Amino acid sequence: MKYAAELFGTFVLVFAGLTTANITGGQVGILGVALAFGLSLMAMAFAIGPISGCHINPAVTFGCLLSRRIDAKTAAGYWVSQVLGAIIACGLILLIAHGGGVDPVTSGFAANGFGDHSPAHFNLLSVFLAETFGTMLLVITVLGATSPKAPAGFAGIPIGLILTVTILATAQISNASINPARSIGPAVYVGGWAIQQLWVFILAPFLGGAIASVVYSTLSRD
């Protein structure tokens, strides 16, 4: 059931966040999009956290793997489930959007990119650094909030809040991925440039997750 929980949780996160970004983003702005992602993550942390740990992000899973909180087999299953959940969510968003005469693919589907495909035309290095260290903040928060030493039952709150903050910080730089599954979902449907630049939004978050594991391990030593 933990793999199904990861698929479902990622579906909810991507559906809520990217529906907001692509259909109501003009009304709610960046803050609304950030809250859609952050509040969805917070809700899923409480809903499926007891089942799977609510990673719903391959970079979080990678950080937990390096921190020895899960094994390699579980991590691989989570990655597959997370990517499938994101792809399914994006397919549903397209169906809904087309019913209202909206074509998210034409406008880029809020896919992540650099250069001409960055909202504010930030270059590759800027985008890579923003994604790496934005993800680092998220994964450190996950590792800390879910530690046995942390107050029990509250982990979803700081985790949802830090995702909101990192999206606010990076939205104009990279369209705020901080999650390879969130990037893969729309890229599958946009194709072309989105697929060509996708490597950045896989490598940078994974690097951020690795840095977070090292930093948290260092900080938490007695």
N, C-alpha and C. Protein backbone atom coordinates (compact mmCIF):
# COMPACT_ATOMS: atom_id res chain seq x y z
N MET A 1 0.81 -1.22 0.00
CA MET A 1 0.00 0.00 0.00
C MET A 1 0.85 1.27 0.00
N LYS A 2 2.10 1.17 0.46
CA LYS A 2 2.91 2.38 0.53
C LYS A 2 3.22 2.94 -0.85
N TYR A 3 3.34 2.07 -1.85
CA TYR A 3 3.61 2.56 -3.20
C TYR A 3 2.36 3.24 -3.77
N ALA A 4 1.21 2.66 -3.52
CA ALA A 4 -0.04 3.29 -3.95
C ALA A 4 -0.23 4.63 -3.26
N ALA A 5 0.17 4.71 -2.00
CA ALA A 5 0.05 5.97 -1.27
C ALA A 5 0.95 7.03 -1.89
N GLU A 6 2.15 6.66 -2.29
CA GLU A 6 3.06 7.63 -2.93
C GLU A 6 2.51 8.09 -4.28
N LEU A 7 1.92 7.16 -5.04
CA LEU A 7 1.31 7.54 -6.32
C LEU A 7 0.17 8.52 -6.08
N PHE A 8 -0.69 8.18 -5.14
CA PHE A 8 -1.84 9.04 -4.85
C PHE A 8 -1.40 10.40 -4.34
N GLY A 9 -0.46 10.42 -3.41
CA GLY A 9 -0.01 11.68 -2.84
C GLY A 9 0.62 12.59 -3.88
N THR A 10 1.43 12.01 -4.75
CA THR A 10 2.05 12.81 -5.82
C THR A 10 1.00 13.31 -6.79
N PHE A 11 0.02 12.46 -7.09
CA PHE A 11 -1.08 12.88 -7.94
C PHE A 11 -1.79 14.11 -7.36
N VAL A 12 -2.10 14.06 -6.08
CA VAL A 12 -2.79 15.18 -5.43
C VAL A 12 -1.95 16.44 -5.47
N LEU A 13 -0.67 16.32 -5.13
CA LEU A 13 0.23 17.48 -5.11
C LEU A 13 0.32 18.14 -6.48
N VAL A 14 0.57 17.33 -7.51
CA VAL A 14 0.76 17.87 -8.86
C VAL A 14 -0.56 18.37 -9.42
N PHE A 15 -1.63 17.65 -9.18
CA PHE A 15 -2.93 18.08 -9.69
C PHE A 15 -3.33 19.42 -9.08
N ALA A 16 -3.24 19.53 -7.77
CA ALA A 16 -3.63 20.78 -7.11
C ALA A 16 -2.72 21.94 -7.53
N GLY A 17 -1.41 21.70 -7.52
CA GLY A 17 -0.48 22.77 -7.83
C GLY A 17 -0.51 23.22 -9.26
N LEU A 18 -0.51 22.27 -10.20
CA LEU A 18 -0.44 22.65 -11.61
C LEU A 18 -1.80 23.05 -12.17
N THR A 19 -2.90 22.56 -11.60
CA THR A 19 -4.21 23.08 -12.00
C THR A 19 -4.30 24.56 -11.62
N THR A 20 -3.84 24.87 -10.43
CA THR A 20 -3.83 26.27 -9.99
C THR A 20 -2.94 27.11 -10.90
N ALA A 21 -1.74 26.61 -11.20
CA ALA A 21 -0.79 27.36 -12.02
C ALA A 21 -1.31 27.59 -13.43
N ASN A 22 -1.95 26.58 -14.01
CA ASN A 22 -2.33 26.65 -15.43
C ASN A 22 -3.71 27.23 -15.68
N ILE A 23 -4.61 27.12 -14.72
CA ILE A 23 -5.99 27.54 -14.97
C ILE A 23 -6.38 28.78 -14.17
N THR A 24 -5.97 28.82 -12.90
CA THR A 24 -6.36 29.98 -12.08
C THR A 24 -5.17 30.84 -11.66
N GLY A 25 -4.01 30.56 -12.22
CA GLY A 25 -2.82 31.30 -11.85
C GLY A 25 -2.94 32.80 -12.08
N GLY A 26 -3.66 33.19 -13.13
CA GLY A 26 -3.83 34.61 -13.42
C GLY A 26 -4.62 35.33 -12.35
N GLN A 27 -5.46 34.60 -11.64
CA GLN A 27 -6.27 35.21 -10.59
C GLN A 27 -5.58 35.17 -9.22
N VAL A 28 -4.84 34.09 -8.94
CA VAL A 28 -4.27 33.93 -7.59
C VAL A 28 -2.80 34.29 -7.52
N GLY A 29 -2.12 34.36 -8.65
CA GLY A 29 -0.72 34.75 -8.68
C GLY A 29 0.22 33.70 -8.10
N ILE A 30 1.49 34.09 -7.97
CA ILE A 30 2.51 33.16 -7.47
C ILE A 30 2.20 32.70 -6.06
N LEU A 31 1.70 33.60 -5.23
CA LEU A 31 1.38 33.22 -3.85
C LEU A 31 0.32 32.12 -3.83
N GLY A 32 -0.70 32.26 -4.67
CA GLY A 32 -1.75 31.25 -4.73
C GLY A 32 -1.22 29.90 -5.18
N VAL A 33 -0.34 29.91 -6.17
CA VAL A 33 0.26 28.66 -6.65
C VAL A 33 1.11 28.02 -5.56
N ALA A 34 1.93 28.84 -4.90
CA ALA A 34 2.78 28.32 -3.82
C ALA A 34 1.94 27.71 -2.71
N LEU A 35 0.85 28.36 -2.36
CA LEU A 35 -0.02 27.83 -1.32
C LEU A 35 -0.72 26.54 -1.77
N ALA A 36 -1.07 26.46 -3.05
CA ALA A 36 -1.71 25.24 -3.56
C ALA A 36 -0.78 24.05 -3.39
N PHE A 37 0.48 24.23 -3.73
CA PHE A 37 1.46 23.15 -3.54
C PHE A 37 1.71 22.89 -2.06
N GLY A 38 1.97 23.95 -1.30
CA GLY A 38 2.33 23.79 0.11
C GLY A 38 1.22 23.19 0.95
N LEU A 39 0.00 23.67 0.75
CA LEU A 39 -1.13 23.15 1.52
C LEU A 39 -1.46 21.71 1.11
N SER A 40 -1.28 21.40 -0.17
CA SER A 40 -1.50 20.01 -0.61
C SER A 40 -0.50 19.07 0.04
N LEU A 41 0.76 19.51 0.08
CA LEU A 41 1.78 18.68 0.73
C LEU A 41 1.47 18.51 2.22
N MET A 42 1.06 19.59 2.86
CA MET A 42 0.72 19.51 4.27
C MET A 42 -0.43 18.52 4.50
N ALA A 43 -1.46 18.61 3.68
CA ALA A 43 -2.60 17.71 3.82
C ALA A 43 -2.20 16.26 3.60
N MET A 44 -1.39 16.01 2.57
CA MET A 44 -0.95 14.64 2.28
C MET A 44 -0.04 14.10 3.37
N ALA A 45 0.75 14.98 4.00
CA ALA A 45 1.62 14.53 5.09
C ALA A 45 0.80 13.91 6.21
N PHE A 46 -0.33 14.52 6.50
CA PHE A 46 -1.20 13.98 7.56
C PHE A 46 -2.01 12.78 7.05
N ALA A 47 -2.38 12.81 5.76
CA ALA A 47 -3.24 11.75 5.23
C ALA A 47 -2.49 10.46 4.94
N ILE A 48 -1.35 10.55 4.28
CA ILE A 48 -0.63 9.32 3.89
C ILE A 48 0.72 9.16 4.58
N GLY A 49 1.10 10.16 5.38
CA GLY A 49 2.35 10.04 6.10
C GLY A 49 2.46 8.75 6.91
N PRO A 50 1.41 8.36 7.62
CA PRO A 50 1.50 7.11 8.39
C PRO A 50 1.63 5.86 7.53
N ILE A 51 1.32 5.97 6.23
CA ILE A 51 1.39 4.82 5.33
C ILE A 51 2.75 4.71 4.66
N SER A 52 3.20 5.81 4.05
CA SER A 52 4.43 5.76 3.25
C SER A 52 5.51 6.73 3.72
N GLY A 53 5.17 7.62 4.64
CA GLY A 53 6.09 8.68 5.01
C GLY A 53 5.86 9.94 4.20
N CYS A 54 4.99 9.86 3.18
CA CYS A 54 4.62 11.00 2.34
C CYS A 54 5.85 11.72 1.78
N HIS A 55 6.66 10.97 1.01
CA HIS A 55 7.76 11.62 0.32
C HIS A 55 7.23 12.45 -0.86
N ILE A 56 6.44 11.82 -1.70
CA ILE A 56 5.83 12.36 -2.92
C ILE A 56 6.77 13.31 -3.67
N ASN A 57 8.04 12.97 -3.66
CA ASN A 57 9.08 13.76 -4.31
C ASN A 57 10.33 12.88 -4.39
N PRO A 58 10.80 12.56 -5.59
CA PRO A 58 11.98 11.68 -5.72
C PRO A 58 13.21 12.21 -4.98
N ALA A 59 13.37 13.52 -4.88
CA ALA A 59 14.53 14.07 -4.18
C ALA A 59 14.44 13.83 -2.68
N VAL A 60 13.24 13.91 -2.14
CA VAL A 60 13.04 13.59 -0.72
C VAL A 60 13.36 12.12 -0.47
N THR A 61 12.89 11.27 -1.36
CA THR A 61 13.18 9.84 -1.24
C THR A 61 14.68 9.59 -1.30
N PHE A 62 15.38 10.31 -2.18
CA PHE A 62 16.83 10.15 -2.30
C PHE A 62 17.52 10.58 -1.01
N GLY A 63 17.10 11.71 -0.44
CA GLY A 63 17.67 12.16 0.81
C GLY A 63 17.44 11.16 1.93
N CYS A 64 16.24 10.57 1.97
CA CYS A 64 15.93 9.56 2.98
C CYS A 64 16.74 8.28 2.76
N LEU A 65 16.97 7.94 1.50
CA LEU A 65 17.80 6.77 1.18
C LEU A 65 19.22 6.97 1.68
N LEU A 66 19.80 8.14 1.38
CA LEU A 66 21.16 8.41 1.81
C LEU A 66 21.27 8.51 3.33
N SER A 67 20.17 8.91 3.97
CA SER A 67 20.15 9.00 5.43
C SER A 67 19.78 7.67 6.09
N ARG A 68 19.63 6.64 5.27
CA ARG A 68 19.33 5.27 5.74
C ARG A 68 18.00 5.16 6.45
N ARG A 69 17.05 5.96 6.00
CA ARG A 69 15.71 5.84 6.57
C ARG A 69 14.84 4.88 5.77
N ILE A 70 15.24 4.61 4.53
CA ILE A 70 14.57 3.61 3.70
C ILE A 70 15.65 2.82 2.96
N ASP A 71 15.26 1.67 2.39
CA ASP A 71 16.22 0.88 1.63
C ASP A 71 16.08 1.16 0.14
N ALA A 72 17.01 0.64 -0.65
CA ALA A 72 17.07 0.93 -2.09
C ALA A 72 15.83 0.40 -2.82
N LYS A 73 15.34 -0.77 -2.43
CA LYS A 73 14.16 -1.34 -3.09
C LYS A 73 12.95 -0.44 -2.88
N THR A 74 12.76 0.04 -1.67
CA THR A 74 11.63 0.93 -1.38
C THR A 74 11.79 2.24 -2.15
N ALA A 75 13.01 2.78 -2.20
CA ALA A 75 13.26 4.02 -2.92
C ALA A 75 12.90 3.88 -4.39
N ALA A 76 13.31 2.77 -5.02
CA ALA A 76 13.02 2.56 -6.43
C ALA A 76 11.52 2.49 -6.67
N GLY A 77 10.80 1.79 -5.80
CA GLY A 77 9.35 1.71 -5.92
C GLY A 77 8.69 3.06 -5.75
N TYR A 78 9.20 3.86 -4.82
CA TYR A 78 8.66 5.20 -4.60
C TYR A 78 8.88 6.06 -5.84
N TRP A 79 10.06 6.00 -6.43
CA TRP A 79 10.35 6.82 -7.62
C TRP A 79 9.39 6.51 -8.76
N VAL A 80 9.16 5.23 -9.01
CA VAL A 80 8.23 4.84 -10.07
C VAL A 80 6.83 5.35 -9.75
N SER A 81 6.38 5.17 -8.54
CA SER A 81 5.04 5.59 -8.14
C SER A 81 4.88 7.10 -8.23
N GLN A 82 5.89 7.83 -7.81
CA GLN A 82 5.82 9.29 -7.84
C GLN A 82 5.73 9.82 -9.27
N VAL A 83 6.53 9.28 -10.16
CA VAL A 83 6.51 9.74 -11.56
C VAL A 83 5.17 9.40 -12.22
N LEU A 84 4.67 8.20 -11.97
CA LEU A 84 3.37 7.82 -12.54
C LEU A 84 2.27 8.73 -12.01
N GLY A 85 2.29 9.02 -10.73
CA GLY A 85 1.28 9.91 -10.16
C GLY A 85 1.29 11.28 -10.81
N ALA A 86 2.48 11.81 -11.07
CA ALA A 86 2.59 13.12 -11.70
C ALA A 86 2.11 13.11 -13.15
N ILE A 87 2.43 12.07 -13.89
CA ILE A 87 2.01 11.97 -15.29
C ILE A 87 0.49 11.83 -15.38
N ILE A 88 -0.09 11.01 -14.52
CA ILE A 88 -1.55 10.85 -14.50
C ILE A 88 -2.22 12.18 -14.15
N ALA A 89 -1.70 12.87 -13.17
CA ALA A 89 -2.28 14.16 -12.77
C ALA A 89 -2.26 15.15 -13.92
N CYS A 90 -1.15 15.22 -14.64
CA CYS A 90 -1.05 16.16 -15.76
C CYS A 90 -1.99 15.80 -16.90
N GLY A 91 -2.20 14.50 -17.12
CA GLY A 91 -3.17 14.09 -18.13
C GLY A 91 -4.57 14.53 -17.77
N LEU A 92 -4.93 14.41 -16.49
CA LEU A 92 -6.25 14.85 -16.05
C LEU A 92 -6.40 16.36 -16.17
N ILE A 93 -5.34 17.09 -15.82
CA ILE A 93 -5.38 18.55 -15.96
C ILE A 93 -5.66 18.95 -17.41
N LEU A 94 -5.02 18.27 -18.34
CA LEU A 94 -5.24 18.57 -19.76
C LEU A 94 -6.70 18.34 -20.15
N LEU A 95 -7.27 17.24 -19.70
CA LEU A 95 -8.67 16.94 -20.03
C LEU A 95 -9.58 18.04 -19.49
N ILE A 96 -9.36 18.44 -18.26
CA ILE A 96 -10.19 19.48 -17.65
C ILE A 96 -10.00 20.81 -18.38
N ALA A 97 -8.77 21.17 -18.66
CA ALA A 97 -8.47 22.45 -19.30
C ALA A 97 -9.07 22.54 -20.70
N HIS A 98 -8.98 21.46 -21.46
CA HIS A 98 -9.53 21.47 -22.82
C HIS A 98 -11.04 21.67 -22.81
N GLY A 99 -11.71 21.19 -21.75
CA GLY A 99 -13.15 21.38 -21.64
C GLY A 99 -13.55 22.83 -21.47
N GLY A 100 -12.60 23.66 -21.08
CA GLY A 100 -12.86 25.09 -20.94
C GLY A 100 -12.19 25.91 -22.02
N GLY A 101 -11.72 25.22 -23.05
CA GLY A 101 -11.07 25.92 -24.15
C GLY A 101 -9.66 26.39 -23.86
N VAL A 102 -9.03 25.81 -22.82
CA VAL A 102 -7.67 26.18 -22.45
C VAL A 102 -6.71 25.08 -22.89
N ASP A 103 -5.56 25.46 -23.44
CA ASP A 103 -4.57 24.48 -23.85
C ASP A 103 -3.27 24.75 -23.10
N PRO A 104 -3.06 24.11 -21.94
CA PRO A 104 -1.85 24.37 -21.16
C PRO A 104 -0.56 24.07 -21.92
N VAL A 105 -0.59 23.09 -22.82
CA VAL A 105 0.63 22.73 -23.54
C VAL A 105 1.12 23.90 -24.39
N THR A 106 0.19 24.60 -25.02
CA THR A 106 0.57 25.73 -25.87
C THR A 106 1.28 26.81 -25.06
N SER A 107 0.85 27.01 -23.83
CA SER A 107 1.45 28.04 -23.00
C SER A 107 2.61 27.52 -22.15
N GLY A 108 2.98 26.26 -22.34
CA GLY A 108 4.13 25.70 -21.64
C GLY A 108 3.79 24.80 -20.47
N PHE A 109 2.53 24.74 -20.07
CA PHE A 109 2.06 23.81 -19.03
C PHE A 109 2.78 24.02 -17.70
N ALA A 110 3.29 25.22 -17.45
CA ALA A 110 4.07 25.51 -16.24
C ALA A 110 5.25 24.56 -16.10
N ALA A 111 5.77 24.08 -17.25
CA ALA A 111 6.94 23.22 -17.23
C ALA A 111 8.15 24.04 -16.79
N ASN A 112 9.14 23.35 -16.27
CA ASN A 112 10.33 24.02 -15.76
C ASN A 112 11.38 24.19 -16.85
N GLY A 113 12.07 25.33 -16.82
CA GLY A 113 13.08 25.55 -17.83
C GLY A 113 14.05 26.65 -17.45
N PHE A 114 15.09 26.81 -18.27
CA PHE A 114 16.06 27.87 -18.08
C PHE A 114 16.21 28.65 -19.37
N GLY A 115 16.92 29.78 -19.32
CA GLY A 115 17.08 30.60 -20.51
C GLY A 115 15.75 31.17 -20.96
N ASP A 116 15.42 30.97 -22.22
CA ASP A 116 14.16 31.49 -22.77
C ASP A 116 12.94 30.86 -22.11
N HIS A 117 13.12 29.73 -21.45
CA HIS A 117 11.99 29.02 -20.84
C HIS A 117 11.91 29.23 -19.33
N SER A 118 12.77 30.09 -18.81
CA SER A 118 12.65 30.54 -17.43
C SER A 118 11.67 31.71 -17.42
N PRO A 119 10.77 31.80 -16.46
CA PRO A 119 9.82 32.91 -16.44
C PRO A 119 10.47 34.29 -16.55
N ALA A 120 11.62 34.46 -15.90
CA ALA A 120 12.33 35.75 -15.96
C ALA A 120 13.66 35.61 -16.70
N HIS A 121 13.80 34.55 -17.50
CA HIS A 121 14.95 34.33 -18.38
C HIS A 121 16.27 34.19 -17.62
N PHE A 122 16.24 33.47 -16.50
CA PHE A 122 17.46 33.17 -15.77
C PHE A 122 18.25 32.08 -16.51
N ASN A 123 19.58 32.15 -16.41
CA ASN A 123 20.40 31.21 -17.15
C ASN A 123 20.50 29.86 -16.43
N LEU A 124 21.21 28.93 -17.07
CA LEU A 124 21.31 27.56 -16.56
C LEU A 124 21.90 27.52 -15.16
N LEU A 125 22.99 28.25 -14.92
CA LEU A 125 23.62 28.21 -13.61
C LEU A 125 22.69 28.71 -12.52
N SER A 126 22.00 29.81 -12.77
CA SER A 126 21.08 30.36 -11.77
C SER A 126 19.97 29.37 -11.45
N VAL A 127 19.42 28.76 -12.48
CA VAL A 127 18.34 27.80 -12.29
C VAL A 127 18.84 26.57 -11.54
N PHE A 128 20.02 26.09 -11.92
CA PHE A 128 20.57 24.91 -11.26
C PHE A 128 20.80 25.17 -9.78
N LEU A 129 21.37 26.31 -9.45
CA LEU A 129 21.63 26.65 -8.05
C LEU A 129 20.33 26.82 -7.26
N ALA A 130 19.34 27.50 -7.87
CA ALA A 130 18.06 27.71 -7.19
C ALA A 130 17.37 26.38 -6.89
N GLU A 131 17.38 25.48 -7.87
CA GLU A 131 16.73 24.19 -7.68
C GLU A 131 17.48 23.32 -6.67
N THR A 132 18.81 23.38 -6.71
CA THR A 132 19.60 22.57 -5.79
C THR A 132 19.37 23.00 -4.34
N PHE A 133 19.49 24.29 -4.09
CA PHE A 133 19.42 24.74 -2.70
C PHE A 133 17.98 24.91 -2.22
N GLY A 134 17.05 25.13 -3.12
CA GLY A 134 15.64 25.10 -2.73
C GLY A 134 15.24 23.70 -2.27
N THR A 135 15.70 22.69 -3.02
CA THR A 135 15.41 21.30 -2.64
C THR A 135 16.12 20.94 -1.34
N MET A 136 17.34 21.43 -1.18
CA MET A 136 18.07 21.17 0.05
C MET A 136 17.27 21.63 1.27
N LEU A 137 16.68 22.82 1.18
CA LEU A 137 15.89 23.33 2.30
C LEU A 137 14.70 22.42 2.60
N LEU A 138 14.03 21.97 1.53
CA LEU A 138 12.88 21.08 1.72
C LEU A 138 13.30 19.78 2.38
N VAL A 139 14.36 19.16 1.86
CA VAL A 139 14.75 17.83 2.37
C VAL A 139 15.28 17.92 3.79
N ILE A 140 16.04 18.97 4.11
CA ILE A 140 16.48 19.14 5.50
C ILE A 140 15.28 19.27 6.43
N THR A 141 14.28 20.00 5.99
CA THR A 141 13.08 20.16 6.82
C THR A 141 12.38 18.82 7.02
N VAL A 142 12.29 18.03 5.95
CA VAL A 142 11.67 16.71 6.07
C VAL A 142 12.44 15.84 7.06
N LEU A 143 13.77 15.81 6.90
CA LEU A 143 14.58 14.96 7.78
C LEU A 143 14.47 15.41 9.24
N GLY A 144 14.46 16.72 9.46
CA GLY A 144 14.37 17.22 10.82
C GLY A 144 12.99 17.04 11.43
N ALA A 145 11.96 17.35 10.65
CA ALA A 145 10.59 17.29 11.18
C ALA A 145 10.12 15.87 11.44
N THR A 146 10.74 14.90 10.74
CA THR A 146 10.33 13.50 10.93
C THR A 146 11.31 12.73 11.81
N SER A 147 12.26 13.43 12.39
CA SER A 147 13.21 12.79 13.31
C SER A 147 12.48 12.32 14.56
N PRO A 148 12.94 11.22 15.16
CA PRO A 148 12.35 10.78 16.43
C PRO A 148 12.45 11.83 17.54
N LYS A 149 13.39 12.76 17.39
CA LYS A 149 13.56 13.80 18.39
C LYS A 149 12.60 14.97 18.20
N ALA A 150 11.94 15.04 17.05
CA ALA A 150 11.02 16.14 16.77
C ALA A 150 9.68 15.89 17.47
N PRO A 151 8.92 16.95 17.74
CA PRO A 151 7.59 16.77 18.33
C PRO A 151 6.71 15.89 17.45
N ALA A 152 6.08 14.91 18.01
CA ALA A 152 5.29 13.96 17.24
C ALA A 152 4.00 14.61 16.73
N GLY A 153 3.63 14.28 15.50
CA GLY A 153 2.34 14.67 14.97
C GLY A 153 2.27 16.02 14.27
N PHE A 154 3.40 16.73 14.19
CA PHE A 154 3.37 18.07 13.61
C PHE A 154 4.20 18.20 12.35
N ALA A 155 4.81 17.13 11.86
CA ALA A 155 5.77 17.22 10.76
C ALA A 155 5.19 17.86 9.51
N GLY A 156 3.93 17.60 9.21
CA GLY A 156 3.33 18.12 7.99
C GLY A 156 3.31 19.63 7.92
N ILE A 157 3.25 20.30 9.06
CA ILE A 157 3.14 21.76 9.06
C ILE A 157 4.41 22.44 8.56
N PRO A 158 5.59 22.18 9.17
CA PRO A 158 6.79 22.81 8.64
C PRO A 158 7.14 22.36 7.23
N ILE A 159 6.84 21.12 6.90
CA ILE A 159 7.15 20.63 5.56
C ILE A 159 6.31 21.36 4.51
N GLY A 160 5.02 21.51 4.77
CA GLY A 160 4.17 22.26 3.84
C GLY A 160 4.58 23.71 3.73
N LEU A 161 4.97 24.30 4.85
CA LEU A 161 5.37 25.71 4.85
C LEU A 161 6.67 25.93 4.08
N ILE A 162 7.64 25.03 4.24
CA ILE A 162 8.91 25.24 3.55
C ILE A 162 8.74 25.05 2.05
N LEU A 163 7.85 24.16 1.63
CA LEU A 163 7.61 24.04 0.19
C LEU A 163 6.99 25.33 -0.35
N THR A 164 6.06 25.90 0.38
CA THR A 164 5.46 27.18 -0.02
C THR A 164 6.54 28.25 -0.19
N VAL A 165 7.43 28.33 0.79
CA VAL A 165 8.49 29.35 0.76
C VAL A 165 9.45 29.12 -0.40
N THR A 166 9.86 27.87 -0.64
CA THR A 166 10.81 27.62 -1.73
C THR A 166 10.18 27.90 -3.10
N ILE A 167 8.88 27.65 -3.23
CA ILE A 167 8.22 27.98 -4.49
C ILE A 167 8.15 29.48 -4.68
N LEU A 168 7.82 30.22 -3.63
CA LEU A 168 7.82 31.68 -3.72
C LEU A 168 9.20 32.20 -4.12
N ALA A 169 10.25 31.57 -3.59
CA ALA A 169 11.61 32.02 -3.85
C ALA A 169 12.09 31.71 -5.26
N THR A 170 11.63 30.60 -5.83
CA THR A 170 12.19 30.14 -7.10
C THR A 170 11.24 30.21 -8.29
N ALA A 171 10.01 30.63 -8.08
CA ALA A 171 9.01 30.60 -9.16
C ALA A 171 9.46 31.40 -10.37
N GLN A 172 9.99 32.59 -10.18
CA GLN A 172 10.39 33.40 -11.32
C GLN A 172 11.73 32.97 -11.91
N ILE A 173 12.45 32.14 -11.19
CA ILE A 173 13.75 31.66 -11.69
C ILE A 173 13.57 30.44 -12.57
N SER A 174 12.84 29.45 -12.07
CA SER A 174 12.78 28.16 -12.77
C SER A 174 11.36 27.62 -12.93
N ASN A 175 10.36 28.38 -12.55
CA ASN A 175 8.98 27.90 -12.45
C ASN A 175 8.83 26.94 -11.28
N ALA A 176 9.83 26.95 -10.40
CA ALA A 176 9.77 26.21 -9.13
C ALA A 176 9.44 24.73 -9.29
N SER A 177 10.47 23.95 -9.51
CA SER A 177 10.28 22.50 -9.50
C SER A 177 10.40 21.99 -8.07
N ILE A 178 11.64 21.90 -7.56
CA ILE A 178 11.94 21.37 -6.23
C ILE A 178 11.43 19.92 -6.11
N ASN A 179 11.15 19.30 -7.26
CA ASN A 179 10.56 17.96 -7.25
C ASN A 179 10.64 17.39 -8.67
N PRO A 180 11.51 16.41 -8.92
CA PRO A 180 11.64 15.86 -10.28
C PRO A 180 10.33 15.32 -10.86
N ALA A 181 9.48 14.72 -10.03
CA ALA A 181 8.21 14.19 -10.53
C ALA A 181 7.33 15.32 -11.06
N ARG A 182 7.30 16.44 -10.33
CA ARG A 182 6.52 17.61 -10.76
C ARG A 182 7.02 18.12 -12.11
N SER A 183 8.33 17.98 -12.39
CA SER A 183 8.90 18.43 -13.66
C SER A 183 8.63 17.43 -14.78
N ILE A 184 8.73 16.15 -14.46
CA ILE A 184 8.53 15.10 -15.48
C ILE A 184 7.10 15.11 -16.00
N GLY A 185 6.12 15.29 -15.11
CA GLY A 185 4.71 15.24 -15.52
C GLY A 185 4.39 16.14 -16.69
N PRO A 186 4.55 17.46 -16.58
CA PRO A 186 4.23 18.33 -17.71
C PRO A 186 5.18 18.16 -18.89
N ALA A 187 6.45 17.83 -18.63
CA ALA A 187 7.42 17.69 -19.72
C ALA A 187 7.02 16.57 -20.68
N VAL A 188 6.42 15.52 -20.15
CA VAL A 188 5.97 14.40 -21.00
C VAL A 188 4.98 14.89 -22.05
N TYR A 189 4.13 15.83 -21.69
CA TYR A 189 3.10 16.31 -22.61
C TYR A 189 3.58 17.48 -23.47
N VAL A 190 4.48 18.30 -22.95
CA VAL A 190 5.00 19.43 -23.72
C VAL A 190 6.02 18.96 -24.75
N GLY A 191 6.87 18.01 -24.36
CA GLY A 191 7.89 17.49 -25.26
C GLY A 191 8.94 18.55 -25.60
N GLY A 192 9.67 18.34 -26.68
CA GLY A 192 10.60 19.33 -27.21
C GLY A 192 11.54 19.89 -26.15
N TRP A 193 11.50 21.21 -25.97
CA TRP A 193 12.43 21.88 -25.06
C TRP A 193 12.28 21.40 -23.63
N ALA A 194 11.05 21.07 -23.23
CA ALA A 194 10.81 20.64 -21.85
C ALA A 194 11.54 19.32 -21.55
N ILE A 195 11.55 18.42 -22.51
CA ILE A 195 12.29 17.16 -22.36
C ILE A 195 13.78 17.42 -22.41
N GLN A 196 14.21 18.30 -23.32
CA GLN A 196 15.64 18.59 -23.47
C GLN A 196 16.23 19.22 -22.21
N GLN A 197 15.45 20.02 -21.50
CA GLN A 197 15.96 20.69 -20.30
C GLN A 197 15.62 19.94 -19.01
N LEU A 198 14.95 18.83 -19.14
CA LEU A 198 14.46 18.10 -17.96
C LEU A 198 15.59 17.62 -17.06
N TRP A 199 16.73 17.33 -17.64
CA TRP A 199 17.84 16.79 -16.85
C TRP A 199 18.20 17.71 -15.68
N VAL A 200 18.08 19.02 -15.89
CA VAL A 200 18.41 19.97 -14.84
C VAL A 200 17.51 19.76 -13.64
N PHE A 201 16.23 19.48 -13.90
CA PHE A 201 15.23 19.40 -12.84
C PHE A 201 15.13 18.00 -12.24
N ILE A 202 16.02 17.13 -12.70
CA ILE A 202 16.23 15.84 -12.04
C ILE A 202 17.54 15.89 -11.27
N LEU A 203 18.61 16.32 -11.95
CA LEU A 203 19.93 16.34 -11.33
C LEU A 203 20.01 17.32 -10.16
N ALA A 204 19.54 18.55 -10.35
CA ALA A 204 19.67 19.57 -9.30
C ALA A 204 18.92 19.17 -8.02
N PRO A 205 17.65 18.76 -8.10
CA PRO A 205 16.97 18.33 -6.87
C PRO A 205 17.63 17.13 -6.19
N PHE A 206 18.13 16.18 -6.99
CA PHE A 206 18.81 15.04 -6.39
C PHE A 206 20.09 15.49 -5.69
N LEU A 207 20.81 16.42 -6.29
CA LEU A 207 21.99 16.96 -5.63
C LEU A 207 21.59 17.68 -4.34
N GLY A 208 20.50 18.44 -4.40
CA GLY A 208 20.00 19.11 -3.19
C GLY A 208 19.65 18.13 -2.10
N GLY A 209 19.03 17.00 -2.48
CA GLY A 209 18.70 15.97 -1.50
C GLY A 209 19.94 15.36 -0.87
N ALA A 210 20.98 15.17 -1.70
CA ALA A 210 22.24 14.61 -1.18
C ALA A 210 22.91 15.59 -0.22
N ILE A 211 22.95 16.87 -0.58
CA ILE A 211 23.54 17.88 0.30
C ILE A 211 22.77 17.94 1.62
N ALA A 212 21.45 17.88 1.52
CA ALA A 212 20.62 17.93 2.73
C ALA A 212 20.94 16.77 3.66
N SER A 213 21.14 15.58 3.10
CA SER A 213 21.45 14.42 3.92
C SER A 213 22.76 14.61 4.68
N VAL A 214 23.76 15.14 3.99
CA VAL A 214 25.07 15.37 4.62
C VAL A 214 24.96 16.46 5.69
N VAL A 215 24.29 17.57 5.33
CA VAL A 215 24.17 18.69 6.26
C VAL A 215 23.39 18.27 7.51
N TYR A 216 22.27 17.59 7.30
CA TYR A 216 21.46 17.20 8.46
C TYR A 216 22.21 16.20 9.34
N SER A 217 22.92 15.27 8.72
CA SER A 217 23.69 14.31 9.49
C SER A 217 24.74 15.01 10.35
N THR A 218 25.36 16.03 9.78
CA THR A 218 26.38 16.80 10.51
C THR A 218 25.75 17.59 11.66
N LEU A 219 24.64 18.24 11.37
CA LEU A 219 23.98 19.07 12.39
C LEU A 219 23.40 18.25 13.54
N SER A 220 22.99 17.03 13.25
CA SER A 220 22.29 16.23 14.27
C SER A 220 23.19 15.34 15.09
N ARG A 221 24.50 15.43 14.83
CA ARG A 221 25.42 14.62 15.63
C ARG A 221 25.46 15.12 17.07
N ASP A 222 25.50 14.17 17.99
CA ASP A 222 25.57 14.54 19.41
C ASP A 222 26.99 15.02 19.77
